[in-house]
Amino acid sequence: MSDRLILSTQPELLRVNQKDEEYGFGLYQKVVDAIEVMVPWGITYRTLSNNQDWIRIGSTCFYCVLTTLLNRKTLGEEFSNLA
């Protein structure tokens, strides 16, 4: 963990979290759109709505892999100029 992240104030951490959630939700929407476009014959809206929690978990894990596990800044940290 970076020293800058430890010394951050609560509003900075809140902005980081809000931006990460915003980008994570955007990624979720893009995954749903891609599923709808790529597999229209096998995926119905009922299937998407029944599995939206799994899609959200998968997109969140993908976001974490792209940022945290690869030792990159998250988009929220870049926005707030942390770490």
C-alpha atoms as a PDB file:
ATOM      1  CA  MET A   1       0.000   0.000   0.000  1.00  0.00           C
ATOM      2  CA  SER A   2       1.311   3.397  -0.892  1.00  0.00           C
ATOM      3  CA  ASP A   3       2.220   5.938   1.774  1.00  0.00           C
ATOM      4  CA  ARG A   4       0.142   8.528  -0.101  1.00  0.00           C
ATOM      5  CA  LEU A   5      -2.951   6.334   0.193  1.00  0.00           C
ATOM      6  CA  ILE A   6      -2.420   5.913   3.942  1.00  0.00           C
ATOM      7  CA  LEU A   7      -2.060   9.683   4.431  1.00  0.00           C
ATOM      8  CA  SER A   8      -5.113  10.530   2.307  1.00  0.00           C
ATOM      9  CA  THR A   9      -8.041  12.333   3.817  1.00  0.00           C
ATOM     10  CA  GLN A  10     -11.519  10.911   3.970  1.00  0.00           C
ATOM     11  CA  PRO A  11     -12.897  13.083   1.111  1.00  0.00           C
ATOM     12  CA  GLU A  12     -10.065  11.941  -1.172  1.00  0.00           C
ATOM     13  CA  LEU A  13     -10.773   8.298  -0.408  1.00  0.00           C
ATOM     14  CA  LEU A  14     -14.486   8.888  -0.964  1.00  0.00           C
ATOM     15  CA  ARG A  15     -13.790  10.412  -4.401  1.00  0.00           C
ATOM     16  CA  VAL A  16     -11.563   7.446  -5.272  1.00  0.00           C
ATOM     17  CA  ASN A  17     -14.301   5.003  -4.280  1.00  0.00           C
ATOM     18  CA  GLN A  18     -16.998   6.912  -6.177  1.00  0.00           C
ATOM     19  CA  LYS A  19     -14.918   7.050  -9.369  1.00  0.00           C
ATOM     20  CA  ASP A  20     -14.031   3.367  -9.126  1.00  0.00           C
ATOM     21  CA  GLU A  21     -17.710   2.476  -8.690  1.00  0.00           C
ATOM     22  CA  GLU A  22     -18.628   4.704 -11.636  1.00  0.00           C
ATOM     23  CA  TYR A  23     -16.067   3.084 -13.924  1.00  0.00           C
ATOM     24  CA  GLY A  24     -16.951  -0.377 -12.614  1.00  0.00           C
ATOM     25  CA  PHE A  25     -20.620   0.199 -13.427  1.00  0.00           C
ATOM     26  CA  GLY A  26     -19.645   1.465 -16.881  1.00  0.00           C
ATOM     27  CA  LEU A  27     -17.656  -1.721 -17.436  1.00  0.00           C
ATOM     28  CA  TYR A  28     -20.667  -3.766 -16.298  1.00  0.00           C
ATOM     29  CA  GLN A  29     -22.889  -1.954 -18.802  1.00  0.00           C
ATOM     30  CA  LYS A  30     -20.397  -2.598 -21.605  1.00  0.00           C
ATOM     31  CA  VAL A  31     -20.252  -6.302 -20.722  1.00  0.00           C
ATOM     32  CA  VAL A  32     -24.049  -6.539 -20.810  1.00  0.00           C
ATOM     33  CA  ASP A  33     -24.141  -4.706 -24.151  1.00  0.00           C
ATOM     34  CA  ALA A  34     -21.482  -7.037 -25.565  1.00  0.00           C
ATOM     35  CA  ILE A  35     -23.418 -10.097 -24.416  1.00  0.00           C
ATOM     36  CA  GLU A  36     -26.596  -8.745 -26.021  1.00  0.00           C
ATOM     37  CA  VAL A  37     -24.838  -8.023 -29.312  1.00  0.00           C
ATOM     38  CA  MET A  38     -22.652 -11.112 -29.578  1.00  0.00           C
ATOM     39  CA  VAL A  39     -25.140 -13.762 -28.530  1.00  0.00           C
ATOM     40  CA  PRO A  40     -28.651 -12.529 -29.314  1.00  0.00           C
ATOM     41  CA  TRP A  41     -30.024 -16.002 -30.058  1.00  0.00           C
ATOM     42  CA  GLY A  42     -29.041 -17.612 -26.742  1.00  0.00           C
ATOM     43  CA  ILE A  43     -29.393 -14.790 -24.268  1.00  0.00           C
ATOM     44  CA  THR A  44     -32.771 -13.361 -23.413  1.00  0.00           C
ATOM     45  CA  TYR A  45     -33.498 -10.373 -21.226  1.00  0.00           C
ATOM     46  CA  ARG A  46     -34.852 -12.732 -18.580  1.00  0.00           C
ATOM     47  CA  THR A  47     -31.552 -14.626 -18.543  1.00  0.00           C
ATOM     48  CA  LEU A  48     -29.634 -11.359 -18.263  1.00  0.00           C
ATOM     49  CA  SER A  49     -31.791 -10.110 -15.408  1.00  0.00           C
ATOM     50  CA  ASN A  50     -31.541 -13.442 -13.585  1.00  0.00           C
ATOM     51  CA  ASN A  51     -27.745 -13.425 -13.877  1.00  0.00           C
ATOM     52  CA  GLN A  52     -26.998  -9.728 -13.494  1.00  0.00           C
ATOM     53  CA  ASP A  53     -25.381 -10.308 -10.092  1.00  0.00           C
ATOM     54  CA  TRP A  54     -22.926 -12.794 -11.622  1.00  0.00           C
ATOM     55  CA  ILE A  55     -22.187 -10.444 -14.500  1.00  0.00           C
ATOM     56  CA  ARG A  56     -21.572  -7.595 -12.041  1.00  0.00           C
ATOM     57  CA  ILE A  57     -19.251  -9.786  -9.940  1.00  0.00           C
ATOM     58  CA  GLY A  58     -17.375 -10.881 -13.050  1.00  0.00           C
ATOM     59  CA  SER A  59     -16.931  -7.343 -14.337  1.00  0.00           C
ATOM     60  CA  THR A  60     -15.804  -6.143 -10.897  1.00  0.00           C
ATOM     61  CA  CYS A  61     -13.250  -8.956 -10.706  1.00  0.00           C
ATOM     62  CA  PHE A  62     -12.051  -8.084 -14.209  1.00  0.00           C
ATOM     63  CA  TYR A  63     -11.632  -4.434 -13.172  1.00  0.00           C
ATOM     64  CA  CYS A  64      -9.677  -5.509 -10.083  1.00  0.00           C
ATOM     65  CA  VAL A  65      -7.424  -7.781 -12.141  1.00  0.00           C
ATOM     66  CA  LEU A  66      -6.712  -5.005 -14.623  1.00  0.00           C
ATOM     67  CA  THR A  67      -5.778  -2.543 -11.898  1.00  0.00           C
ATOM     68  CA  THR A  68      -4.922  -3.911  -8.485  1.00  0.00           C
ATOM     69  CA  LEU A  69      -3.421  -7.299  -9.284  1.00  0.00           C
ATOM     70  CA  LEU A  70      -1.348  -5.894 -12.155  1.00  0.00           C
ATOM     71  CA  ASN A  71      -0.018  -3.190  -9.776  1.00  0.00           C
ATOM     72  CA  ARG A  72      -1.588  -0.314 -11.719  1.00  0.00           C
ATOM     73  CA  LYS A  73      -3.470   2.683 -10.405  1.00  0.00           C
ATOM     74  CA  THR A  74      -7.219   2.375 -10.428  1.00  0.00           C
ATOM     75  CA  LEU A  75      -9.063   4.995 -12.431  1.00  0.00           C
ATOM     76  CA  GLY A  76     -10.263   6.574  -9.205  1.00  0.00           C
ATOM     77  CA  GLU A  77      -6.696   6.897  -7.928  1.00  0.00           C
ATOM     78  CA  GLU A  78      -5.622   8.474 -11.206  1.00  0.00           C
ATOM     79  CA  PHE A  79      -8.545  10.899 -11.051  1.00  0.00           C
ATOM     80  CA  SER A  80      -7.719  11.943  -7.471  1.00  0.00           C
ATOM     81  CA  ASN A  81      -3.957  11.816  -8.132  1.00  0.00           C
ATOM     82  CA  LEU A  82      -3.302   9.292  -5.354  1.00  0.00           C
ATOM     83  CA  ALA A  83      -0.737   6.523  -4.987  1.00  0.00           C
END
